[in-house]
Amino acid sequence: MMSHLPEKLWSKCLEVIKDNLSDASFNTWFVPIVPLQYENNVLVLQVPSQFFVEYIEEKYIDLLRETIYRVAGPGTMLKYRDWE
């Protein structure tokens, strides 16, 4: 059984996401994200700002959701916290 530590989970997600994006997009939009916790099927990610969340949700939500479902299981929810 895979340990659901947020860091492990997120690094597995990043491996998949990296294959689907240019280096520039990946480094800009995914490298700054910090996984905070994973429990009760919810992955909490720390992001630099609200704008960041809106951009990711607009551009990459399908890729992100698909990847998280594949890595953590269907129905996994995403929550964001920003630093501001």
Protein backbone atom coordinates (compact mmCIF):
# COMPACT_ATOMS: atom_id res chain seq x y z
CA MET A 1 0.00 0.00 0.00
CA MET A 2 1.42 3.35 -1.03
CA SER A 3 2.08 5.72 1.82
CA HIS A 4 -0.01 8.85 1.27
CA LEU A 5 2.51 11.38 2.39
CA PRO A 6 1.71 14.58 0.54
CA GLU A 7 5.30 15.02 -0.68
CA LYS A 8 5.44 11.53 -2.18
CA LEU A 9 2.04 11.91 -3.73
CA TRP A 10 2.83 15.30 -5.20
CA SER A 11 6.23 14.25 -6.55
CA LYS A 12 4.53 11.36 -8.37
CA CYS A 13 2.00 13.81 -9.79
CA LEU A 14 4.80 16.12 -10.90
CA GLU A 15 6.53 13.31 -12.80
CA VAL A 16 3.38 12.84 -14.89
CA ILE A 17 2.66 16.57 -15.27
CA LYS A 18 6.25 17.32 -16.34
CA ASP A 19 5.86 14.91 -19.28
CA ASN A 20 2.84 16.86 -20.51
CA LEU A 21 4.15 20.42 -20.33
CA SER A 22 7.00 22.52 -21.63
CA ASP A 23 9.81 23.07 -19.12
CA ALA A 24 8.93 26.75 -18.92
CA SER A 25 5.28 26.09 -18.03
CA PHE A 26 6.19 23.35 -15.61
CA ASN A 27 8.79 25.47 -13.81
CA THR A 28 6.51 28.51 -13.65
CA TRP A 29 3.26 26.89 -12.57
CA PHE A 30 4.10 23.62 -10.82
CA VAL A 31 7.54 23.87 -9.23
CA PRO A 32 6.42 26.63 -6.76
CA ILE A 33 3.56 24.51 -5.41
CA VAL A 34 4.14 22.95 -1.99
CA PRO A 35 2.09 19.94 -0.85
CA LEU A 36 0.88 20.58 2.71
CA GLN A 37 -1.26 17.61 3.61
CA TYR A 38 -3.21 14.65 2.34
CA GLU A 39 -6.01 13.20 4.39
CA ASN A 40 -9.62 12.07 3.89
CA ASN A 41 -9.05 12.12 0.14
CA VAL A 42 -8.13 15.80 0.13
CA LEU A 43 -4.77 17.06 -1.11
CA VAL A 44 -3.91 20.53 0.17
CA LEU A 45 -1.46 22.50 -1.94
CA GLN A 46 0.21 25.75 -1.01
CA VAL A 47 0.42 28.22 -3.87
CA PRO A 48 1.97 31.68 -4.16
CA SER A 49 -1.27 33.60 -4.77
CA GLN A 50 -4.95 33.51 -5.65
CA PHE A 51 -4.10 34.50 -9.23
CA PHE A 52 -1.90 31.42 -9.40
CA VAL A 53 -4.82 29.18 -8.42
CA GLU A 54 -7.12 30.81 -10.98
CA TYR A 55 -4.56 30.35 -13.73
CA ILE A 56 -3.91 26.71 -12.91
CA GLU A 57 -7.63 25.96 -12.62
CA GLU A 58 -8.24 27.60 -15.99
CA LYS A 59 -5.33 26.11 -17.93
CA TYR A 60 -4.37 22.86 -16.26
CA ILE A 61 -7.25 21.57 -14.18
CA ASP A 62 -7.98 18.59 -16.46
CA LEU A 63 -4.36 17.48 -16.46
CA LEU A 64 -4.08 18.10 -12.73
CA ARG A 65 -7.29 16.25 -11.84
CA GLU A 66 -6.53 13.32 -14.13
CA THR A 67 -3.03 13.00 -12.70
CA ILE A 68 -4.17 13.20 -9.08
CA TYR A 69 -6.89 10.60 -9.71
CA ARG A 70 -4.30 8.32 -11.27
CA VAL A 71 -1.81 8.73 -8.44
CA ALA A 72 -4.05 9.08 -5.37
CA GLY A 73 -7.28 7.51 -6.56
CA PRO A 74 -10.55 8.74 -8.10
CA GLY A 75 -12.48 11.33 -6.15
CA THR A 76 -9.40 12.95 -4.61
CA MET A 77 -10.17 16.61 -3.94
CA LEU A 78 -7.83 19.55 -4.30
CA LYS A 79 -7.66 22.48 -1.94
CA TYR A 80 -5.36 25.47 -2.16
CA ARG A 81 -3.82 27.79 0.39
CA ASP A 82 -1.92 30.86 -0.62
CA TRP A 83 0.97 32.57 1.12
CA GLU A 84 -0.56 36.01 1.10
